[in-house]
């Protein structure tokens, strides 16, 4: 059992990134199925993946910020592009286009997601900044572009949540939808 714990400690960040990526893939392929299926097991697994994808990405960013000095030396031997994980996780936090919100009530939480965006950008900048001196200019430029793509993707999710609120939908139709809604 001790060797399993040691193995987990050595591969923890890789497993977190892999978990986040796996959940994103599941949401990508199964996100559209929730609209046309009434299967409770599918809805439960989508709900767990929807919540778990954000949780895994936020935890991985926190782990990178806290343990990067220790891990970057170990990862330098095995993974030269480990500093890409912070902006890559921002893209994961942007979520999939097939399932921006799990329910209509999630759209009302767009301000919480905006605050989360600002916090995660600051955290990812901190992680990215700690690794700047260790790589060449070409890799840093690629990382900056990836970072910008992550911010745009996460911002797009927040904009979709804001525009998907019932109040936004009512105002876009000129309050005609109130007559149709019970």
N, C-alpha and C. Protein backbone atom coordinates (compact mmCIF):
# COMPACT_ATOMS: atom_id res chain seq x y z
N UNK A 1 0.82 -1.19 0.00
CA UNK A 1 0.00 0.00 0.00
C UNK A 1 0.87 1.26 0.00
N UNK A 2 2.01 1.18 0.64
CA UNK A 2 2.90 2.33 0.72
C UNK A 2 3.44 2.74 -0.66
N UNK A 3 3.75 1.75 -1.50
CA UNK A 3 4.24 2.06 -2.84
C UNK A 3 3.16 2.71 -3.70
N UNK A 4 1.89 2.38 -3.44
CA UNK A 4 0.79 2.98 -4.16
C UNK A 4 0.64 4.45 -3.79
N UNK A 5 0.82 4.77 -2.52
CA UNK A 5 0.75 6.16 -2.07
C UNK A 5 1.91 6.96 -2.65
N UNK A 6 3.11 6.37 -2.68
CA UNK A 6 4.27 7.04 -3.26
C UNK A 6 4.06 7.28 -4.75
N UNK A 7 3.49 6.29 -5.44
CA UNK A 7 3.21 6.43 -6.86
C UNK A 7 2.19 7.54 -7.11
N UNK A 8 1.16 7.59 -6.28
CA UNK A 8 0.16 8.65 -6.40
C UNK A 8 0.79 10.01 -6.16
N UNK A 9 1.63 10.14 -5.15
CA UNK A 9 2.27 11.43 -4.87
C UNK A 9 3.16 11.88 -6.02
N UNK A 10 3.80 10.94 -6.69
CA UNK A 10 4.67 11.29 -7.81
C UNK A 10 3.89 11.69 -9.05
N UNK A 11 2.73 11.12 -9.25
CA UNK A 11 1.95 11.35 -10.47
C UNK A 11 0.68 12.16 -10.21
N UNK A 12 0.58 12.82 -9.06
CA UNK A 12 -0.66 13.48 -8.68
C UNK A 12 -1.10 14.54 -9.69
N UNK A 13 -0.22 15.43 -10.10
CA UNK A 13 -0.64 16.49 -11.00
C UNK A 13 -1.01 15.94 -12.38
N UNK A 14 -0.28 14.93 -12.83
CA UNK A 14 -0.63 14.33 -14.11
C UNK A 14 -2.00 13.67 -14.05
N UNK A 15 -2.29 13.01 -12.92
CA UNK A 15 -3.60 12.38 -12.76
C UNK A 15 -4.72 13.41 -12.68
N UNK A 16 -4.46 14.54 -12.03
CA UNK A 16 -5.47 15.60 -11.95
C UNK A 16 -5.78 16.19 -13.32
N UNK A 17 -4.74 16.44 -14.11
CA UNK A 17 -4.95 16.97 -15.45
C UNK A 17 -5.67 15.93 -16.31
N UNK A 18 -5.30 14.68 -16.18
CA UNK A 18 -5.95 13.61 -16.93
C UNK A 18 -7.42 13.46 -16.52
N UNK A 19 -7.70 13.57 -15.22
CA UNK A 19 -9.09 13.52 -14.76
C UNK A 19 -9.90 14.67 -15.34
N UNK A 20 -9.34 15.86 -15.29
CA UNK A 20 -10.03 17.02 -15.84
C UNK A 20 -10.30 16.84 -17.34
N UNK A 21 -9.30 16.36 -18.06
CA UNK A 21 -9.45 16.14 -19.49
C UNK A 21 -10.49 15.06 -19.78
N UNK A 22 -10.49 13.99 -19.01
CA UNK A 22 -11.46 12.91 -19.19
C UNK A 22 -12.89 13.40 -18.96
N UNK A 23 -13.08 14.19 -17.91
CA UNK A 23 -14.41 14.73 -17.63
C UNK A 23 -14.86 15.67 -18.74
N UNK A 24 -13.94 16.46 -19.29
CA UNK A 24 -14.28 17.35 -20.39
C UNK A 24 -14.68 16.56 -21.63
N UNK A 25 -13.96 15.47 -21.89
CA UNK A 25 -14.33 14.62 -23.03
C UNK A 25 -15.71 14.00 -22.86
N UNK A 26 -15.99 13.53 -21.64
CA UNK A 26 -17.31 12.95 -21.37
C UNK A 26 -18.40 14.00 -21.58
N UNK A 27 -18.18 15.22 -21.08
CA UNK A 27 -19.18 16.28 -21.26
C UNK A 27 -19.34 16.66 -22.73
N UNK A 28 -18.25 16.61 -23.46
CA UNK A 28 -18.32 16.94 -24.89
C UNK A 28 -19.20 15.94 -25.65
N UNK A 29 -19.01 14.68 -25.38
CA UNK A 29 -19.75 13.66 -26.12
C UNK A 29 -21.14 13.40 -25.56
N UNK A 30 -21.32 13.54 -24.26
CA UNK A 30 -22.61 13.20 -23.65
C UNK A 30 -23.46 14.42 -23.31
N UNK A 31 -22.91 15.63 -23.47
CA UNK A 31 -23.64 16.84 -23.09
C UNK A 31 -24.93 17.04 -23.85
N UNK A 32 -24.94 16.67 -25.10
CA UNK A 32 -26.16 16.85 -25.92
C UNK A 32 -27.21 15.79 -25.64
N UNK A 33 -26.81 14.68 -25.05
CA UNK A 33 -27.75 13.59 -24.81
C UNK A 33 -28.77 13.93 -23.73
N UNK A 34 -28.45 14.85 -22.84
CA UNK A 34 -29.37 15.14 -21.74
C UNK A 34 -30.65 15.80 -22.22
N UNK A 35 -30.60 16.45 -23.38
CA UNK A 35 -31.79 17.11 -23.90
C UNK A 35 -32.78 16.12 -24.50
N UNK A 36 -32.27 15.03 -25.02
CA UNK A 36 -33.16 14.10 -25.71
C UNK A 36 -33.37 12.79 -24.94
N UNK A 37 -32.81 12.69 -23.74
CA UNK A 37 -32.94 11.46 -22.98
C UNK A 37 -33.46 11.77 -21.58
N UNK A 38 -34.31 10.92 -21.10
CA UNK A 38 -34.83 11.07 -19.75
C UNK A 38 -34.20 10.10 -18.77
N UNK A 39 -33.14 9.44 -19.18
CA UNK A 39 -32.47 8.45 -18.36
C UNK A 39 -31.86 9.11 -17.11
N UNK A 40 -32.27 8.66 -15.95
CA UNK A 40 -31.80 9.27 -14.69
C UNK A 40 -30.31 9.01 -14.44
N UNK A 41 -29.84 7.85 -14.83
CA UNK A 41 -28.42 7.54 -14.65
C UNK A 41 -27.55 8.45 -15.52
N UNK A 42 -27.99 8.71 -16.73
CA UNK A 42 -27.26 9.63 -17.61
C UNK A 42 -27.25 11.04 -17.03
N UNK A 43 -28.40 11.50 -16.56
CA UNK A 43 -28.49 12.84 -15.99
C UNK A 43 -27.63 12.95 -14.73
N UNK A 44 -27.62 11.92 -13.90
CA UNK A 44 -26.81 11.93 -12.69
C UNK A 44 -25.32 11.94 -13.03
N UNK A 45 -24.92 11.13 -14.00
CA UNK A 45 -23.51 11.10 -14.38
C UNK A 45 -23.09 12.41 -15.04
N UNK A 46 -23.96 13.03 -15.83
CA UNK A 46 -23.66 14.33 -16.42
C UNK A 46 -23.54 15.40 -15.35
N UNK A 47 -24.43 15.37 -14.37
CA UNK A 47 -24.38 16.34 -13.28
C UNK A 47 -23.08 16.19 -12.49
N UNK A 48 -22.70 14.95 -12.19
CA UNK A 48 -21.45 14.71 -11.46
C UNK A 48 -20.24 15.14 -12.28
N UNK A 49 -20.26 14.86 -13.58
CA UNK A 49 -19.14 15.27 -14.44
C UNK A 49 -19.10 16.79 -14.58
N UNK A 50 -20.26 17.44 -14.66
CA UNK A 50 -20.34 18.90 -14.79
C UNK A 50 -19.72 19.57 -13.56
N UNK A 51 -20.07 19.08 -12.38
CA UNK A 51 -19.50 19.64 -11.15
C UNK A 51 -18.04 19.21 -10.96
N UNK A 52 -17.75 17.96 -11.29
CA UNK A 52 -16.41 17.44 -11.09
C UNK A 52 -15.37 18.03 -12.02
N UNK A 53 -15.77 18.43 -13.22
CA UNK A 53 -14.82 19.02 -14.16
C UNK A 53 -14.26 20.33 -13.62
N UNK A 54 -15.14 21.19 -13.11
CA UNK A 54 -14.67 22.44 -12.50
C UNK A 54 -13.85 22.16 -11.26
N UNK A 55 -14.31 21.24 -10.45
CA UNK A 55 -13.60 20.91 -9.21
C UNK A 55 -12.19 20.40 -9.49
N UNK A 56 -12.05 19.52 -10.46
CA UNK A 56 -10.74 18.95 -10.79
C UNK A 56 -9.79 20.03 -11.33
N UNK A 57 -10.30 20.91 -12.19
CA UNK A 57 -9.45 21.95 -12.76
C UNK A 57 -9.02 22.97 -11.70
N UNK A 58 -9.95 23.37 -10.84
CA UNK A 58 -9.61 24.33 -9.77
C UNK A 58 -8.63 23.70 -8.79
N UNK A 59 -8.84 22.46 -8.43
CA UNK A 59 -7.93 21.77 -7.51
C UNK A 59 -6.54 21.63 -8.13
N UNK A 60 -6.48 21.30 -9.42
CA UNK A 60 -5.19 21.16 -10.09
C UNK A 60 -4.45 22.49 -10.15
N UNK A 61 -5.17 23.58 -10.41
CA UNK A 61 -4.53 24.91 -10.41
C UNK A 61 -4.01 25.25 -9.02
N UNK A 62 -4.79 24.96 -8.00
CA UNK A 62 -4.34 25.20 -6.64
C UNK A 62 -3.14 24.35 -6.28
N UNK A 63 -3.16 23.11 -6.71
CA UNK A 63 -2.03 22.22 -6.46
C UNK A 63 -0.77 22.73 -7.15
N UNK A 64 -0.91 23.17 -8.39
CA UNK A 64 0.24 23.71 -9.12
C UNK A 64 0.80 24.95 -8.44
N UNK A 65 -0.07 25.81 -7.94
CA UNK A 65 0.43 27.03 -7.30
C UNK A 65 1.12 26.74 -5.98
N UNK A 66 0.68 25.74 -5.30
CA UNK A 66 1.25 25.45 -4.00
C UNK A 66 2.52 24.61 -4.08
N UNK A 67 2.55 23.69 -5.00
CA UNK A 67 3.64 22.73 -5.05
C UNK A 67 4.51 22.85 -6.29
N UNK A 68 4.44 23.95 -7.01
CA UNK A 68 5.14 24.00 -8.27
C UNK A 68 6.66 23.99 -8.10
N UNK A 69 7.19 24.64 -7.09
CA UNK A 69 8.64 24.65 -6.90
C UNK A 69 9.19 23.24 -6.74
N UNK A 70 8.51 22.42 -5.98
CA UNK A 70 8.95 21.05 -5.76
C UNK A 70 8.75 20.23 -7.03
N UNK A 71 7.57 20.37 -7.63
CA UNK A 71 7.22 19.51 -8.75
C UNK A 71 7.90 19.90 -10.05
N UNK A 72 8.20 21.18 -10.24
CA UNK A 72 8.76 21.59 -11.52
C UNK A 72 10.15 20.99 -11.73
N UNK A 73 10.90 20.82 -10.65
CA UNK A 73 12.21 20.18 -10.78
C UNK A 73 12.05 18.70 -11.14
N UNK A 74 11.10 18.05 -10.51
CA UNK A 74 10.84 16.63 -10.82
C UNK A 74 10.24 16.49 -12.22
N UNK A 75 9.35 17.43 -12.58
CA UNK A 75 8.70 17.36 -13.88
C UNK A 75 9.64 17.75 -15.01
N UNK A 76 10.67 18.54 -14.71
CA UNK A 76 11.60 18.95 -15.75
C UNK A 76 12.24 17.74 -16.41
N UNK A 77 12.46 16.71 -15.61
CA UNK A 77 13.06 15.49 -16.15
C UNK A 77 12.07 14.72 -17.02
N UNK A 78 10.80 14.76 -16.65
CA UNK A 78 9.82 13.92 -17.34
C UNK A 78 8.93 14.70 -18.31
N UNK A 79 8.60 15.93 -17.97
CA UNK A 79 7.63 16.67 -18.77
C UNK A 79 8.10 18.12 -18.93
N UNK A 80 8.60 18.46 -20.10
CA UNK A 80 9.12 19.79 -20.35
C UNK A 80 8.01 20.84 -20.45
N UNK A 81 6.81 20.44 -20.77
CA UNK A 81 5.73 21.40 -21.00
C UNK A 81 4.76 21.50 -19.83
N UNK A 82 5.23 21.21 -18.65
CA UNK A 82 4.34 21.23 -17.49
C UNK A 82 3.81 22.63 -17.19
N UNK A 83 4.55 23.66 -17.58
CA UNK A 83 4.07 25.01 -17.30
C UNK A 83 2.88 25.38 -18.18
N UNK A 84 2.59 24.61 -19.21
CA UNK A 84 1.40 24.82 -20.03
C UNK A 84 0.13 24.39 -19.31
N UNK A 85 0.25 23.66 -18.24
CA UNK A 85 -0.93 23.13 -17.58
C UNK A 85 -1.80 24.22 -16.97
N UNK A 86 -1.23 25.28 -16.47
CA UNK A 86 -2.05 26.36 -15.87
C UNK A 86 -2.97 26.99 -16.91
N UNK A 87 -2.47 27.45 -18.06
CA UNK A 87 -3.42 27.99 -19.05
C UNK A 87 -4.32 26.91 -19.66
N UNK A 88 -3.82 25.70 -19.76
CA UNK A 88 -4.64 24.60 -20.26
C UNK A 88 -5.82 24.34 -19.33
N UNK A 89 -5.60 24.45 -18.04
CA UNK A 89 -6.68 24.26 -17.08
C UNK A 89 -7.69 25.40 -17.14
N UNK A 90 -7.25 26.60 -17.53
CA UNK A 90 -8.21 27.70 -17.75
C UNK A 90 -9.16 27.35 -18.90
N UNK A 91 -8.61 26.72 -19.93
CA UNK A 91 -9.47 26.28 -21.04
C UNK A 91 -10.46 25.24 -20.54
N UNK A 92 -10.02 24.34 -19.68
CA UNK A 92 -10.93 23.35 -19.10
C UNK A 92 -12.03 24.03 -18.29
N UNK A 93 -11.68 25.09 -17.56
CA UNK A 93 -12.69 25.79 -16.77
C UNK A 93 -13.70 26.50 -17.67
N UNK A 94 -13.31 26.78 -18.91
CA UNK A 94 -14.26 27.36 -19.86
C UNK A 94 -15.36 26.38 -20.23
N UNK A 95 -15.11 25.11 -20.03
CA UNK A 95 -16.14 24.10 -20.24
C UNK A 95 -16.40 23.79 -21.70
N UNK A 96 -17.39 22.95 -21.92
CA UNK A 96 -17.77 22.52 -23.25
C UNK A 96 -18.95 23.32 -23.74
N UNK A 97 -19.01 23.51 -25.04
CA UNK A 97 -20.13 24.23 -25.62
C UNK A 97 -21.41 23.41 -25.60
N UNK A 98 -21.29 22.11 -25.44
CA UNK A 98 -22.47 21.26 -25.43
C UNK A 98 -23.23 21.34 -24.11
N UNK A 99 -22.59 21.82 -23.05
CA UNK A 99 -23.25 21.92 -21.74
C UNK A 99 -22.64 23.08 -20.97
N UNK A 100 -23.11 24.29 -21.25
CA UNK A 100 -22.61 25.47 -20.54
C UNK A 100 -23.18 25.52 -19.13
N UNK A 101 -24.46 25.21 -19.00
CA UNK A 101 -25.11 25.18 -17.70
C UNK A 101 -25.92 23.89 -17.62
N UNK A 102 -25.98 23.31 -16.43
CA UNK A 102 -26.73 22.06 -16.28
C UNK A 102 -28.23 22.33 -16.18
N UNK A 103 -28.59 23.45 -15.55
CA UNK A 103 -30.00 23.80 -15.40
C UNK A 103 -30.14 25.32 -15.57
N UNK A 104 -31.36 25.78 -15.79
CA UNK A 104 -31.60 27.21 -15.97
C UNK A 104 -31.15 28.02 -14.76
N UNK A 105 -31.24 27.43 -13.58
CA UNK A 105 -30.84 28.14 -12.37
C UNK A 105 -29.34 28.44 -12.36
N UNK A 106 -28.55 27.61 -13.05
CA UNK A 106 -27.11 27.84 -13.12
C UNK A 106 -26.78 29.13 -13.85
N UNK A 107 -27.64 29.55 -14.75
CA UNK A 107 -27.39 30.79 -15.49
C UNK A 107 -27.41 32.01 -14.57
N UNK A 108 -28.18 31.94 -13.49
CA UNK A 108 -28.23 33.06 -12.55
C UNK A 108 -26.96 33.22 -11.74
N UNK A 109 -26.09 32.24 -11.79
CA UNK A 109 -24.84 32.28 -11.03
C UNK A 109 -23.67 32.81 -11.85
N UNK A 110 -23.96 33.58 -12.89
CA UNK A 110 -22.90 34.06 -13.77
C UNK A 110 -21.95 35.00 -13.04
N UNK A 111 -22.42 35.77 -12.06
CA UNK A 111 -21.53 36.65 -11.30
C UNK A 111 -20.54 35.85 -10.46
N UNK A 112 -20.99 34.73 -9.92
CA UNK A 112 -20.08 33.86 -9.17
C UNK A 112 -19.00 33.30 -10.09
N UNK A 113 -19.39 32.94 -11.30
CA UNK A 113 -18.42 32.44 -12.26
C UNK A 113 -17.45 33.54 -12.70
N UNK A 114 -17.94 34.78 -12.77
CA UNK A 114 -17.05 35.89 -13.11
C UNK A 114 -16.00 36.09 -12.02
N UNK A 115 -16.41 36.03 -10.78
CA UNK A 115 -15.46 36.13 -9.67
C UNK A 115 -14.49 34.96 -9.70
N UNK A 116 -14.99 33.77 -10.00
CA UNK A 116 -14.13 32.60 -10.11
C UNK A 116 -13.13 32.78 -11.26
N UNK A 117 -13.57 33.37 -12.37
CA UNK A 117 -12.67 33.64 -13.49
C UNK A 117 -11.52 34.53 -13.06
N UNK A 118 -11.83 35.61 -12.38
CA UNK A 118 -10.78 36.54 -11.93
C UNK A 118 -9.81 35.86 -10.97
N UNK A 119 -10.34 35.06 -10.07
CA UNK A 119 -9.49 34.35 -9.12
C UNK A 119 -8.60 33.33 -9.82
N UNK A 120 -9.17 32.57 -10.74
CA UNK A 120 -8.40 31.54 -11.43
C UNK A 120 -7.38 32.15 -12.39
N UNK A 121 -7.69 33.30 -12.98
CA UNK A 121 -6.71 33.98 -13.82
C UNK A 121 -5.52 34.42 -12.98
N UNK A 122 -5.81 34.99 -11.81
CA UNK A 122 -4.71 35.40 -10.92
C UNK A 122 -3.88 34.21 -10.49
N UNK A 123 -4.51 33.11 -10.18
CA UNK A 123 -3.80 31.90 -9.78
C UNK A 123 -2.97 31.33 -10.93
N UNK A 124 -3.56 31.29 -12.12
CA UNK A 124 -2.83 30.78 -13.28
C UNK A 124 -1.67 31.70 -13.65
N UNK A 125 -1.86 33.01 -13.51
CA UNK A 125 -0.75 33.95 -13.75
C UNK A 125 0.38 33.72 -12.76
N UNK A 126 0.03 33.45 -11.53
CA UNK A 126 1.04 33.17 -10.51
C UNK A 126 1.83 31.91 -10.86
N UNK A 127 1.13 30.86 -11.25
CA UNK A 127 1.80 29.61 -11.63
C UNK A 127 2.65 29.83 -12.87
N UNK A 128 2.10 30.54 -13.84
CA UNK A 128 2.81 30.79 -15.09
C UNK A 128 4.05 31.66 -14.84
N UNK A 129 3.91 32.65 -13.98
CA UNK A 129 5.01 33.56 -13.67
C UNK A 129 6.17 32.82 -12.99
N UNK A 130 5.85 31.87 -12.14
CA UNK A 130 6.89 31.12 -11.43
C UNK A 130 7.75 30.29 -12.38
N UNK A 131 7.24 30.00 -13.56
CA UNK A 131 7.98 29.14 -14.48
C UNK A 131 8.55 29.89 -15.67
N UNK A 132 8.46 31.19 -15.70
CA UNK A 132 8.91 31.96 -16.86
C UNK A 132 10.41 31.82 -17.11
N UNK A 133 11.24 31.90 -16.11
CA UNK A 133 12.68 31.86 -16.30
C UNK A 133 13.23 30.51 -16.70
N UNK A 134 12.42 29.51 -16.72
CA UNK A 134 12.90 28.14 -16.97
C UNK A 134 12.76 27.70 -18.43
N UNK A 135 12.16 28.54 -19.28
CA UNK A 135 11.88 28.12 -20.66
C UNK A 135 12.29 29.20 -21.64
N UNK A 136 12.44 28.81 -22.90
CA UNK A 136 12.81 29.73 -23.95
C UNK A 136 11.66 30.63 -24.37
N UNK A 137 11.99 31.64 -25.17
CA UNK A 137 11.00 32.63 -25.60
C UNK A 137 9.92 32.00 -26.48
N UNK A 138 10.28 31.02 -27.30
CA UNK A 138 9.28 30.40 -28.17
C UNK A 138 8.22 29.64 -27.38
N UNK A 139 8.62 28.93 -26.34
CA UNK A 139 7.65 28.23 -25.50
C UNK A 139 6.81 29.22 -24.68
N UNK A 140 7.43 30.29 -24.22
CA UNK A 140 6.68 31.29 -23.46
C UNK A 140 5.64 31.99 -24.32
N UNK A 141 5.99 32.28 -25.56
CA UNK A 141 5.03 32.91 -26.47
C UNK A 141 3.85 31.97 -26.72
N UNK A 142 4.14 30.70 -26.91
CA UNK A 142 3.07 29.72 -27.08
C UNK A 142 2.20 29.64 -25.83
N UNK A 143 2.83 29.69 -24.66
CA UNK A 143 2.09 29.66 -23.41
C UNK A 143 1.21 30.89 -23.24
N UNK A 144 1.70 32.05 -23.67
CA UNK A 144 0.90 33.27 -23.59
C UNK A 144 -0.33 33.16 -24.48
N UNK A 145 -0.15 32.64 -25.69
CA UNK A 145 -1.30 32.46 -26.59
C UNK A 145 -2.31 31.47 -26.00
N UNK A 146 -1.82 30.42 -25.39
CA UNK A 146 -2.69 29.44 -24.75
C UNK A 146 -3.42 30.08 -23.56
N UNK A 147 -2.72 30.93 -22.84
CA UNK A 147 -3.31 31.65 -21.70
C UNK A 147 -4.44 32.57 -22.18
N UNK A 148 -4.21 33.29 -23.26
CA UNK A 148 -5.24 34.18 -23.82
C UNK A 148 -6.44 33.37 -24.30
N UNK A 149 -6.18 32.23 -24.93
CA UNK A 149 -7.27 31.36 -25.38
C UNK A 149 -8.09 30.86 -24.19
N UNK A 150 -7.43 30.55 -23.08
CA UNK A 150 -8.13 30.11 -21.88
C UNK A 150 -9.02 31.20 -21.30
N UNK A 151 -8.51 32.42 -21.28
CA UNK A 151 -9.31 33.54 -20.77
C UNK A 151 -10.52 33.78 -21.67
N UNK A 152 -10.32 33.72 -22.98
CA UNK A 152 -11.44 33.92 -23.91
C UNK A 152 -12.48 32.81 -23.75
N UNK A 153 -12.03 31.57 -23.63
CA UNK A 153 -12.96 30.44 -23.49
C UNK A 153 -13.76 30.54 -22.19
N UNK A 154 -13.09 30.88 -21.11
CA UNK A 154 -13.78 31.01 -19.83
C UNK A 154 -14.72 32.22 -19.85
N UNK A 155 -14.28 33.31 -20.46
CA UNK A 155 -15.14 34.48 -20.60
C UNK A 155 -16.36 34.20 -21.45
N UNK A 156 -16.19 33.39 -22.49
CA UNK A 156 -17.31 32.99 -23.34
C UNK A 156 -18.36 32.21 -22.54
N UNK A 157 -17.90 31.37 -21.64
CA UNK A 157 -18.84 30.60 -20.80
C UNK A 157 -19.64 31.54 -19.91
N UNK A 158 -18.98 32.52 -19.33
CA UNK A 158 -19.67 33.46 -18.45
C UNK A 158 -20.67 34.30 -19.24
N UNK A 159 -20.27 34.73 -20.42
CA UNK A 159 -21.18 35.50 -21.27
C UNK A 159 -22.41 34.65 -21.64
N UNK A 160 -22.21 33.40 -21.93
CA UNK A 160 -23.33 32.51 -22.25
C UNK A 160 -24.26 32.34 -21.06
N UNK A 161 -23.67 32.22 -19.87
CA UNK A 161 -24.50 32.11 -18.67
C UNK A 161 -25.30 33.39 -18.44
N UNK A 162 -24.66 34.54 -18.64
CA UNK A 162 -25.35 35.82 -18.45
C UNK A 162 -26.49 35.98 -19.44
N UNK A 163 -26.23 35.63 -20.69
CA UNK A 163 -27.26 35.78 -21.73
C UNK A 163 -28.34 34.71 -21.62
N UNK A 164 -28.09 33.62 -20.93
CA UNK A 164 -29.06 32.55 -20.80
C UNK A 164 -30.00 32.70 -19.62
N UNK A 165 -29.82 33.77 -18.84
CA UNK A 165 -30.75 33.98 -17.72
C UNK A 165 -32.15 34.27 -18.25
N UNK A 166 -33.15 33.91 -17.48
CA UNK A 166 -34.53 34.11 -17.90
C UNK A 166 -34.81 35.59 -18.08
N UNK A 167 -34.25 36.43 -17.21
CA UNK A 167 -34.46 37.87 -17.32
C UNK A 167 -33.87 38.40 -18.63
N UNK A 168 -32.70 37.88 -19.04
CA UNK A 168 -32.10 38.30 -20.30
C UNK A 168 -32.93 37.82 -21.49
N UNK A 169 -33.45 36.61 -21.37
CA UNK A 169 -34.28 36.10 -22.46
C UNK A 169 -35.57 36.89 -22.58
N UNK A 170 -36.16 37.30 -21.45
CA UNK A 170 -37.38 38.11 -21.48
C UNK A 170 -37.12 39.46 -22.11
N UNK A 171 -36.01 40.08 -21.75
CA UNK A 171 -35.73 41.41 -22.29
C UNK A 171 -35.38 41.36 -23.77
N UNK A 172 -34.85 40.26 -24.25
CA UNK A 172 -34.51 40.16 -25.67
C UNK A 172 -35.75 39.95 -26.53
N UNK A 173 -36.84 39.47 -25.95
CA UNK A 173 -38.07 39.26 -26.72
C UNK A 173 -39.06 40.40 -26.50
N UNK A 174 -38.66 41.43 -25.78
CA UNK A 174 -39.56 42.55 -25.55
C UNK A 174 -40.67 42.22 -24.58
N UNK A 175 -40.42 41.39 -23.60
CA UNK A 175 -41.37 40.98 -22.56
C UNK A 175 -42.59 40.26 -23.14
N UNK A 176 -42.51 39.77 -24.36
CA UNK A 176 -43.61 39.01 -24.94
C UNK A 176 -43.66 37.60 -24.40
N UNK A 177 -42.51 37.14 -23.86
CA UNK A 177 -42.47 35.76 -23.38
C UNK A 177 -43.23 35.61 -22.06
N UNK A 178 -43.47 36.70 -21.35
CA UNK A 178 -44.23 36.61 -20.08
C UNK A 178 -45.65 36.13 -20.33
N UNK A 179 -46.21 36.50 -21.46
CA UNK A 179 -47.55 36.08 -21.77
C UNK A 179 -47.61 34.57 -22.03
N UNK A 180 -46.50 34.02 -22.54
CA UNK A 180 -46.48 32.60 -22.90
C UNK A 180 -46.05 31.73 -21.73
N UNK A 181 -45.28 32.29 -20.78
CA UNK A 181 -44.80 31.48 -19.66
C UNK A 181 -45.87 31.39 -18.58
N UNK A 182 -46.03 30.24 -17.96
CA UNK A 182 -47.02 30.14 -16.88
C UNK A 182 -46.56 30.88 -15.66
